[in-house]
């Protein structure tokens, strides 16, 4: 999920047709899986007009969705590049 201004966009991670579970940290055992996954199943909400996030605006506001999707991909890419990779050195 990412918020920008009044809007929030959400997406799920999918790899080889399977959704990834919620992942809290990137570590050496899941790094490749996360980086190879794709963002899918987008949702877009206006948090000012729809505090309950009940109206998905993906099809209603296609221009805003396209802009937010592009921004999400850019920022998510930066996040992956700069993420700390937790390593288990106790092995």
PDB file of N, CA and C in Angstrom:
ATOM      1  N   UNK A   1       0.841  -1.186   0.000  1.00  0.00           N
ATOM      2  CA  UNK A   1       0.000   0.000   0.000  1.00  0.00           C
ATOM      3  C   UNK A   1       0.883   1.244   0.000  1.00  0.00           C
ATOM      4  N   UNK A   2       0.356   2.296  -0.603  1.00  0.00           N
ATOM      5  CA  UNK A   2       1.055   3.574  -0.629  1.00  0.00           C
ATOM      6  C   UNK A   2       0.005   4.683  -0.622  1.00  0.00           C
ATOM      7  N   UNK A   3       0.271   5.706   0.140  1.00  0.00           N
ATOM      8  CA  UNK A   3      -0.598   6.876   0.150  1.00  0.00           C
ATOM      9  C   UNK A   3       0.118   8.025  -0.541  1.00  0.00           C
ATOM     10  N   UNK A   4      -0.657   8.765  -1.343  1.00  0.00           N
ATOM     11  CA  UNK A   4      -0.136   9.958  -2.004  1.00  0.00           C
ATOM     12  C   UNK A   4      -1.267  10.975  -2.036  1.00  0.00           C
ATOM     13  N   UNK A   5      -1.103  12.065  -1.298  1.00  0.00           N
ATOM     14  CA  UNK A   5      -2.166  13.053  -1.211  1.00  0.00           C
ATOM     15  C   UNK A   5      -3.404  12.450  -0.575  1.00  0.00           C
ATOM     16  N   UNK A   6      -4.539  12.646  -1.210  1.00  0.00           N
ATOM     17  CA  UNK A   6      -5.811  12.126  -0.688  1.00  0.00           C
ATOM     18  C   UNK A   6      -6.033  10.658  -1.042  1.00  0.00           C
ATOM     19  N   UNK A   7      -5.150  10.074  -1.840  1.00  0.00           N
ATOM     20  CA  UNK A   7      -5.382   8.732  -2.383  1.00  0.00           C
ATOM     21  C   UNK A   7      -4.486   7.676  -1.748  1.00  0.00           C
ATOM     22  N   UNK A   8      -4.996   6.456  -1.742  1.00  0.00           N
ATOM     23  CA  UNK A   8      -4.258   5.279  -1.279  1.00  0.00           C
ATOM     24  C   UNK A   8      -4.407   4.204  -2.345  1.00  0.00           C
ATOM     25  N   UNK A   9      -3.282   3.603  -2.744  1.00  0.00           N
ATOM     26  CA  UNK A   9      -3.309   2.498  -3.696  1.00  0.00           C
ATOM     27  C   UNK A   9      -2.754   1.256  -2.993  1.00  0.00           C
ATOM     28  N   UNK A  10      -3.388   0.141  -3.275  1.00  0.00           N
ATOM     29  CA  UNK A  10      -2.969  -1.134  -2.707  1.00  0.00           C
ATOM     30  C   UNK A  10      -2.739  -2.124  -3.840  1.00  0.00           C
ATOM     31  N   UNK A  11      -1.857  -3.081  -3.601  1.00  0.00           N
ATOM     32  CA  UNK A  11      -1.626  -4.161  -4.562  1.00  0.00           C
ATOM     33  C   UNK A  11      -1.185  -5.391  -3.781  1.00  0.00           C
ATOM     34  N   UNK A  12      -1.349  -6.536  -4.401  1.00  0.00           N
ATOM     35  CA  UNK A  12      -0.885  -7.793  -3.813  1.00  0.00           C
ATOM     36  C   UNK A  12       0.304  -8.292  -4.619  1.00  0.00           C
ATOM     37  N   UNK A  13       1.144  -9.077  -3.972  1.00  0.00           N
ATOM     38  CA  UNK A  13       2.284  -9.691  -4.643  1.00  0.00           C
ATOM     39  C   UNK A  13       1.917 -11.101  -5.088  1.00  0.00           C
ATOM     40  N   UNK A  14       2.283 -11.401  -6.323  1.00  0.00           N
ATOM     41  CA  UNK A  14       1.986 -12.710  -6.894  1.00  0.00           C
ATOM     42  C   UNK A  14       3.250 -13.249  -7.567  1.00  0.00           C
ATOM     43  N   UNK A  15       3.490 -14.553  -7.390  1.00  0.00           N
ATOM     44  CA  UNK A  15       4.641 -15.197  -8.002  1.00  0.00           C
ATOM     45  C   UNK A  15       4.197 -16.562  -8.510  1.00  0.00           C
ATOM     46  N   UNK A  16       4.398 -16.804  -9.804  1.00  0.00           N
ATOM     47  CA  UNK A  16       3.995 -18.069 -10.432  1.00  0.00           C
ATOM     48  C   UNK A  16       2.530 -18.400 -10.150  1.00  0.00           C
ATOM     49  N   UNK A  17       1.678 -17.390 -10.233  1.00  0.00           N
ATOM     50  CA  UNK A  17       0.251 -17.603 -10.065  1.00  0.00           C
ATOM     51  C   UNK A  17      -0.226 -17.714  -8.629  1.00  0.00           C
ATOM     52  N   UNK A  18       0.667 -17.631  -7.673  1.00  0.00           N
ATOM     53  CA  UNK A  18       0.315 -17.761  -6.250  1.00  0.00           C
ATOM     54  C   UNK A  18       0.540 -16.431  -5.537  1.00  0.00           C
ATOM     55  N   UNK A  19      -0.418 -16.072  -4.681  1.00  0.00           N
ATOM     56  CA  UNK A  19      -0.250 -14.867  -3.867  1.00  0.00           C
ATOM     57  C   UNK A  19       0.758 -15.121  -2.764  1.00  0.00           C
ATOM     58  N   UNK A  20       1.593 -14.148  -2.500  1.00  0.00           N
ATOM     59  CA  UNK A  20       2.515 -14.244  -1.382  1.00  0.00           C
ATOM     60  C   UNK A  20       1.772 -13.884  -0.097  1.00  0.00           C
ATOM     61  N   UNK A  21       2.115 -14.539   0.998  1.00  0.00           N
ATOM     62  CA  UNK A  21       1.511 -14.146   2.280  1.00  0.00           C
ATOM     63  C   UNK A  21       2.086 -12.793   2.699  1.00  0.00           C
ATOM     64  N   UNK A  22       1.511 -12.202   3.720  1.00  0.00           N
ATOM     65  CA  UNK A  22       2.047 -10.942   4.226  1.00  0.00           C
ATOM     66  C   UNK A  22       3.464 -11.192   4.728  1.00  0.00           C
ATOM     67  N   UNK A  23       4.406 -10.388   4.260  1.00  0.00           N
ATOM     68  CA  UNK A  23       5.817 -10.562   4.604  1.00  0.00           C
ATOM     69  C   UNK A  23       6.271  -9.338   5.384  1.00  0.00           C
ATOM     70  N   UNK A  24       6.840  -9.563   6.543  1.00  0.00           N
ATOM     71  CA  UNK A  24       7.243  -8.454   7.404  1.00  0.00           C
ATOM     72  C   UNK A  24       8.670  -7.983   7.113  1.00  0.00           C
ATOM     73  N   UNK A  25       9.563  -8.895   6.752  1.00  0.00           N
ATOM     74  CA  UNK A  25      10.956  -8.541   6.515  1.00  0.00           C
ATOM     75  C   UNK A  25      11.486  -9.276   5.287  1.00  0.00           C
ATOM     76  N   UNK A  26      12.432  -8.654   4.641  1.00  0.00           N
ATOM     77  CA  UNK A  26      13.149  -9.313   3.552  1.00  0.00           C
ATOM     78  C   UNK A  26      14.391  -9.953   4.169  1.00  0.00           C
ATOM     79  N   UNK A  27      14.531 -11.252   3.961  1.00  0.00           N
ATOM     80  CA  UNK A  27      15.712 -11.945   4.476  1.00  0.00           C
ATOM     81  C   UNK A  27      16.293 -12.805   3.366  1.00  0.00           C
ATOM     82  N   UNK A  28      17.462 -13.360   3.599  1.00  0.00           N
ATOM     83  CA  UNK A  28      18.153 -14.083   2.534  1.00  0.00           C
ATOM     84  C   UNK A  28      17.363 -15.282   2.016  1.00  0.00           C
ATOM     85  N   UNK A  29      16.373 -15.779   2.747  1.00  0.00           N
ATOM     86  CA  UNK A  29      15.564 -16.909   2.303  1.00  0.00           C
ATOM     87  C   UNK A  29      14.372 -16.531   1.434  1.00  0.00           C
ATOM     88  N   UNK A  30      13.944 -15.264   1.462  1.00  0.00           N
ATOM     89  CA  UNK A  30      12.790 -14.866   0.648  1.00  0.00           C
ATOM     90  C   UNK A  30      13.090 -13.711  -0.306  1.00  0.00           C
ATOM     91  N   UNK A  31      14.313 -13.234  -0.306  1.00  0.00           N
ATOM     92  CA  UNK A  31      14.682 -12.082  -1.132  1.00  0.00           C
ATOM     93  C   UNK A  31      14.382 -12.310  -2.615  1.00  0.00           C
ATOM     94  N   UNK A  32      14.812 -13.425  -3.175  1.00  0.00           N
ATOM     95  CA  UNK A  32      14.590 -13.691  -4.602  1.00  0.00           C
ATOM     96  C   UNK A  32      13.098 -13.799  -4.908  1.00  0.00           C
ATOM     97  N   UNK A  33      12.356 -14.479  -4.059  1.00  0.00           N
ATOM     98  CA  UNK A  33      10.920 -14.639  -4.264  1.00  0.00           C
ATOM     99  C   UNK A  33      10.231 -13.273  -4.326  1.00  0.00           C
ATOM    100  N   UNK A  34      10.545 -12.402  -3.401  1.00  0.00           N
ATOM    101  CA  UNK A  34       9.931 -11.073  -3.368  1.00  0.00           C
ATOM    102  C   UNK A  34      10.322 -10.267  -4.600  1.00  0.00           C
ATOM    103  N   UNK A  35      11.583 -10.267  -4.934  1.00  0.00           N
ATOM    104  CA  UNK A  35      12.056  -9.456  -6.068  1.00  0.00           C
ATOM    105  C   UNK A  35      11.553  -9.969  -7.411  1.00  0.00           C
ATOM    106  N   UNK A  36      11.223 -11.249  -7.495  1.00  0.00           N
ATOM    107  CA  UNK A  36      10.713 -11.824  -8.743  1.00  0.00           C
ATOM    108  C   UNK A  36       9.191 -11.743  -8.849  1.00  0.00           C
ATOM    109  N   UNK A  37       8.526 -11.322  -7.793  1.00  0.00           N
ATOM    110  CA  UNK A  37       7.060 -11.256  -7.768  1.00  0.00           C
ATOM    111  C   UNK A  37       6.561  -9.993  -8.457  1.00  0.00           C
ATOM    112  N   UNK A  38       5.293 -10.050  -8.860  1.00  0.00           N
ATOM    113  CA  UNK A  38       4.695  -8.892  -9.527  1.00  0.00           C
ATOM    114  C   UNK A  38       3.560  -8.326  -8.692  1.00  0.00           C
ATOM    115  N   UNK A  39       3.355  -7.018  -8.818  1.00  0.00           N
ATOM    116  CA  UNK A  39       2.242  -6.357  -8.159  1.00  0.00           C
ATOM    117  C   UNK A  39       0.982  -6.598  -8.985  1.00  0.00           C
ATOM    118  N   UNK A  40      -0.109  -7.011  -8.328  1.00  0.00           N
ATOM    119  CA  UNK A  40      -1.369  -7.302  -9.012  1.00  0.00           C
ATOM    120  C   UNK A  40      -2.544  -6.859  -8.144  1.00  0.00           C
ATOM    121  N   UNK A  41      -3.738  -7.035  -8.677  1.00  0.00           N
ATOM    122  CA  UNK A  41      -4.982  -6.838  -7.928  1.00  0.00           C
ATOM    123  C   UNK A  41      -5.032  -5.472  -7.226  1.00  0.00           C
ATOM    124  N   UNK A  42      -4.924  -4.443  -8.008  1.00  0.00           N
ATOM    125  CA  UNK A  42      -4.860  -3.081  -7.467  1.00  0.00           C
ATOM    126  C   UNK A  42      -6.216  -2.612  -6.936  1.00  0.00           C
ATOM    127  N   UNK A  43      -6.128  -1.762  -5.929  1.00  0.00           N
ATOM    128  CA  UNK A  43      -7.283  -1.055  -5.399  1.00  0.00           C
ATOM    129  C   UNK A  43      -6.861   0.394  -5.199  1.00  0.00           C
ATOM    130  N   UNK A  44      -7.786   1.306  -5.439  1.00  0.00           N
ATOM    131  CA  UNK A  44      -7.501   2.730  -5.293  1.00  0.00           C
ATOM    132  C   UNK A  44      -8.656   3.386  -4.542  1.00  0.00           C
ATOM    133  N   UNK A  45      -8.315   4.167  -3.531  1.00  0.00           N
ATOM    134  CA  UNK A  45      -9.330   4.829  -2.721  1.00  0.00           C
ATOM    135  C   UNK A  45      -8.974   6.293  -2.506  1.00  0.00           C
ATOM    136  N   UNK A  46     -10.008   7.126  -2.431  1.00  0.00           N
ATOM    137  CA  UNK A  46      -9.858   8.513  -2.031  1.00  0.00           C
ATOM    138  C   UNK A  46     -10.183   8.549  -0.540  1.00  0.00           C
ATOM    139  N   UNK A  47      -9.176   8.782   0.281  1.00  0.00           N
ATOM    140  CA  UNK A  47      -9.349   8.687   1.725  1.00  0.00           C
ATOM    141  C   UNK A  47     -10.131   9.854   2.315  1.00  0.00           C
ATOM    142  N   UNK A  48     -10.248  10.935   1.599  1.00  0.00           N
ATOM    143  CA  UNK A  48     -11.034  12.070   2.075  1.00  0.00           C
ATOM    144  C   UNK A  48     -12.515  11.808   1.829  1.00  0.00           C
ATOM    145  N   UNK A  49     -12.850  11.366   0.616  1.00  0.00           N
ATOM    146  CA  UNK A  49     -14.246  11.132   0.244  1.00  0.00           C
ATOM    147  C   UNK A  49     -14.779   9.780   0.715  1.00  0.00           C
ATOM    148  N   UNK A  50     -13.892   8.845   1.001  1.00  0.00           N
ATOM    149  CA  UNK A  50     -14.293   7.467   1.300  1.00  0.00           C
ATOM    150  C   UNK A  50     -13.416   6.905   2.414  1.00  0.00           C
ATOM    151  N   UNK A  51     -13.641   7.361   3.620  1.00  0.00           N
ATOM    152  CA  UNK A  51     -12.812   6.944   4.762  1.00  0.00           C
ATOM    153  C   UNK A  51     -12.885   5.444   5.038  1.00  0.00           C
ATOM    154  N   UNK A  52     -13.974   4.815   4.652  1.00  0.00           N
ATOM    155  CA  UNK A  52     -14.148   3.382   4.890  1.00  0.00           C
ATOM    156  C   UNK A  52     -13.531   2.523   3.779  1.00  0.00           C
ATOM    157  N   UNK A  53     -12.988   3.175   2.759  1.00  0.00           N
ATOM    158  CA  UNK A  53     -12.383   2.471   1.621  1.00  0.00           C
ATOM    159  C   UNK A  53     -13.359   1.443   1.049  1.00  0.00           C
ATOM    160  N   UNK A  54     -14.546   1.913   0.714  1.00  0.00           N
ATOM    161  CA  UNK A  54     -15.591   1.020   0.222  1.00  0.00           C
ATOM    162  C   UNK A  54     -15.801   1.097  -1.286  1.00  0.00           C
ATOM    163  N   UNK A  55     -15.261   2.146  -1.945  1.00  0.00           N
ATOM    164  CA  UNK A  55     -15.448   2.307  -3.389  1.00  0.00           C
ATOM    165  C   UNK A  55     -14.075   2.277  -4.065  1.00  0.00           C
ATOM    166  N   UNK A  56     -13.790   1.158  -4.731  1.00  0.00           N
ATOM    167  CA  UNK A  56     -12.538   1.015  -5.463  1.00  0.00           C
ATOM    168  C   UNK A  56     -12.620   1.867  -6.730  1.00  0.00           C
ATOM    169  N   UNK A  57     -11.702   2.814  -6.862  1.00  0.00           N
ATOM    170  CA  UNK A  57     -11.743   3.784  -7.953  1.00  0.00           C
ATOM    171  C   UNK A  57     -10.941   3.377  -9.192  1.00  0.00           C
ATOM    172  N   UNK A  58     -10.431   2.168  -9.241  1.00  0.00           N
ATOM    173  CA  UNK A  58      -9.593   1.740 -10.367  1.00  0.00           C
ATOM    174  C   UNK A  58     -10.281   1.983 -11.710  1.00  0.00           C
ATOM    175  N   UNK A  59     -11.527   1.606 -11.841  1.00  0.00           N
ATOM    176  CA  UNK A  59     -12.247   1.781 -13.109  1.00  0.00           C
ATOM    177  C   UNK A  59     -12.977   3.121 -13.184  1.00  0.00           C
ATOM    178  N   UNK A  60     -13.272   3.712 -12.051  1.00  0.00           N
ATOM    179  CA  UNK A  60     -14.013   4.976 -12.017  1.00  0.00           C
ATOM    180  C   UNK A  60     -13.111   6.164 -12.343  1.00  0.00           C
ATOM    181  N   UNK A  61     -11.862   6.115 -11.894  1.00  0.00           N
ATOM    182  CA  UNK A  61     -10.889   7.189 -12.140  1.00  0.00           C
ATOM    183  C   UNK A  61      -9.638   6.599 -12.814  1.00  0.00           C
ATOM    184  N   UNK A  62      -9.747   6.183 -14.085  1.00  0.00           N
ATOM    185  CA  UNK A  62      -8.625   5.496 -14.736  1.00  0.00           C
ATOM    186  C   UNK A  62      -7.363   6.346 -14.861  1.00  0.00           C
ATOM    187  N   UNK A  63      -7.492   7.639 -15.056  1.00  0.00           N
ATOM    188  CA  UNK A  63      -6.293   8.487 -15.170  1.00  0.00           C
ATOM    189  C   UNK A  63      -5.560   8.553 -13.836  1.00  0.00           C
ATOM    190  N   UNK A  64      -6.293   8.723 -12.747  1.00  0.00           N
ATOM    191  CA  UNK A  64      -5.683   8.755 -11.416  1.00  0.00           C
ATOM    192  C   UNK A  64      -5.071   7.394 -11.099  1.00  0.00           C
ATOM    193  N   UNK A  65      -5.766   6.320 -11.470  1.00  0.00           N
ATOM    194  CA  UNK A  65      -5.239   4.978 -11.225  1.00  0.00           C
ATOM    195  C   UNK A  65      -3.924   4.774 -11.971  1.00  0.00           C
ATOM    196  N   UNK A  66      -3.876   5.156 -13.237  1.00  0.00           N
ATOM    197  CA  UNK A  66      -2.646   4.991 -14.022  1.00  0.00           C
ATOM    198  C   UNK A  66      -1.486   5.751 -13.394  1.00  0.00           C
ATOM    199  N   UNK A  67      -1.748   6.968 -12.951  1.00  0.00           N
ATOM    200  CA  UNK A  67      -0.710   7.779 -12.313  1.00  0.00           C
ATOM    201  C   UNK A  67      -0.242   7.141 -11.005  1.00  0.00           C
ATOM    202  N   UNK A  68      -1.186   6.718 -10.182  1.00  0.00           N
ATOM    203  CA  UNK A  68      -0.839   6.112  -8.891  1.00  0.00           C
ATOM    204  C   UNK A  68      -0.128   4.766  -9.063  1.00  0.00           C
ATOM    205  N   UNK A  69      -0.545   3.989 -10.053  1.00  0.00           N
ATOM    206  CA  UNK A  69       0.095   2.696 -10.317  1.00  0.00           C
ATOM    207  C   UNK A  69       1.545   2.892 -10.727  1.00  0.00           C
ATOM    208  N   UNK A  70       1.784   3.862 -11.591  1.00  0.00           N
ATOM    209  CA  UNK A  70       3.153   4.151 -12.027  1.00  0.00           C
ATOM    210  C   UNK A  70       4.008   4.598 -10.843  1.00  0.00           C
ATOM    211  N   UNK A  71       3.460   5.467 -10.006  1.00  0.00           N
ATOM    212  CA  UNK A  71       4.183   5.937  -8.829  1.00  0.00           C
ATOM    213  C   UNK A  71       4.462   4.792  -7.857  1.00  0.00           C
ATOM    214  N   UNK A  72       3.488   3.916  -7.659  1.00  0.00           N
ATOM    215  CA  UNK A  72       3.681   2.766  -6.786  1.00  0.00           C
ATOM    216  C   UNK A  72       4.811   1.878  -7.297  1.00  0.00           C
ATOM    217  N   UNK A  73       4.822   1.609  -8.600  1.00  0.00           N
ATOM    218  CA  UNK A  73       5.886   0.774  -9.168  1.00  0.00           C
ATOM    219  C   UNK A  73       7.253   1.418  -8.978  1.00  0.00           C
ATOM    220  N   UNK A  74       7.329   2.717  -9.180  1.00  0.00           N
ATOM    221  CA  UNK A  74       8.601   3.435  -9.005  1.00  0.00           C
ATOM    222  C   UNK A  74       9.069   3.351  -7.559  1.00  0.00           C
ATOM    223  N   UNK A  75       8.189   3.683  -6.640  1.00  0.00           N
ATOM    224  CA  UNK A  75       8.557   3.692  -5.217  1.00  0.00           C
ATOM    225  C   UNK A  75       8.816   2.286  -4.689  1.00  0.00           C
ATOM    226  N   UNK A  76       8.060   1.307  -5.154  1.00  0.00           N
ATOM    227  CA  UNK A  76       8.284  -0.068  -4.722  1.00  0.00           C
ATOM    228  C   UNK A  76       9.643  -0.563  -5.217  1.00  0.00           C
ATOM    229  N   UNK A  77       9.989  -0.198  -6.438  1.00  0.00           N
ATOM    230  CA  UNK A  77      11.309  -0.549  -6.961  1.00  0.00           C
ATOM    231  C   UNK A  77      12.431   0.043  -6.120  1.00  0.00           C
ATOM    232  N   UNK A  78      12.285   1.292  -5.722  1.00  0.00           N
ATOM    233  CA  UNK A  78      13.282   1.939  -4.861  1.00  0.00           C
ATOM    234  C   UNK A  78      13.356   1.242  -3.506  1.00  0.00           C
ATOM    235  N   UNK A  79      12.196   0.863  -2.994  1.00  0.00           N
ATOM    236  CA  UNK A  79      12.146   0.167  -1.712  1.00  0.00           C
ATOM    237  C   UNK A  79      12.906  -1.157  -1.788  1.00  0.00           C
ATOM    238  N   UNK A  80      12.682  -1.906  -2.855  1.00  0.00           N
ATOM    239  CA  UNK A  80      13.386  -3.190  -3.004  1.00  0.00           C
ATOM    240  C   UNK A  80      14.889  -2.992  -3.138  1.00  0.00           C
ATOM    241  N   UNK A  81      15.286  -1.984  -3.889  1.00  0.00           N
ATOM    242  CA  UNK A  81      16.720  -1.725  -4.073  1.00  0.00           C
ATOM    243  C   UNK A  81      17.405  -1.356  -2.773  1.00  0.00           C
ATOM    244  N   UNK A  82      16.707  -0.611  -1.922  1.00  0.00           N
ATOM    245  CA  UNK A  82      17.323  -0.117  -0.701  1.00  0.00           C
ATOM    246  C   UNK A  82      16.997  -0.907   0.545  1.00  0.00           C
ATOM    247  N   UNK A  83      16.249  -2.003   0.403  1.00  0.00           N
ATOM    248  CA  UNK A  83      15.843  -2.770   1.586  1.00  0.00           C
ATOM    249  C   UNK A  83      17.027  -3.464   2.236  1.00  0.00           C
ATOM    250  N   UNK A  84      16.998  -3.437   3.545  1.00  0.00           N
ATOM    251  CA  UNK A  84      17.967  -4.218   4.307  1.00  0.00           C
ATOM    252  C   UNK A  84      17.597  -5.692   4.165  1.00  0.00           C
ATOM    253  N   UNK A  85      18.574  -6.531   3.926  1.00  0.00           N
ATOM    254  CA  UNK A  85      18.351  -7.971   3.837  1.00  0.00           C
ATOM    255  C   UNK A  85      18.839  -8.596   5.140  1.00  0.00           C
ATOM    256  N   UNK A  86      17.892  -9.137   5.899  1.00  0.00           N
ATOM    257  CA  UNK A  86      18.253  -9.772   7.157  1.00  0.00           C
ATOM    258  C   UNK A  86      18.952 -11.098   6.875  1.00  0.00           C
ATOM    259  N   UNK A  87      20.028 -11.347   7.538  1.00  0.00           N
ATOM    260  CA  UNK A  87      20.801 -12.568   7.359  1.00  0.00           C
ATOM    261  C   UNK A  87      20.881 -13.318   8.693  1.00  0.00           C
ATOM    262  N   UNK A  88      20.763 -14.618   8.614  1.00  0.00           N
ATOM    263  CA  UNK A  88      20.900 -15.452   9.783  1.00  0.00           C
ATOM    264  C   UNK A  88      22.317 -16.002   9.798  1.00  0.00           C
ATOM    265  N   UNK A  89      23.177 -15.378  10.570  1.00  0.00           N
ATOM    266  CA  UNK A  89      24.591 -15.787  10.642  1.00  0.00           C
ATOM    267  C   UNK A  89      24.860 -16.824  11.715  1.00  0.00           C
ATOM    268  N   UNK A  90      23.808 -17.291  12.376  1.00  0.00           N
ATOM    269  CA  UNK A  90      24.013 -18.265  13.455  1.00  0.00           C
ATOM    270  C   UNK A  90      24.141 -19.680  12.952  1.00  0.00           C
ATOM    271  N   UNK A  91      23.989 -19.863  11.634  1.00  0.00           N
ATOM    272  CA  UNK A  91      24.063 -21.230  11.068  1.00  0.00           C
ATOM    273  C   UNK A  91      25.483 -21.715  11.000  1.00  0.00           C
TER     274      UNK A  91
END
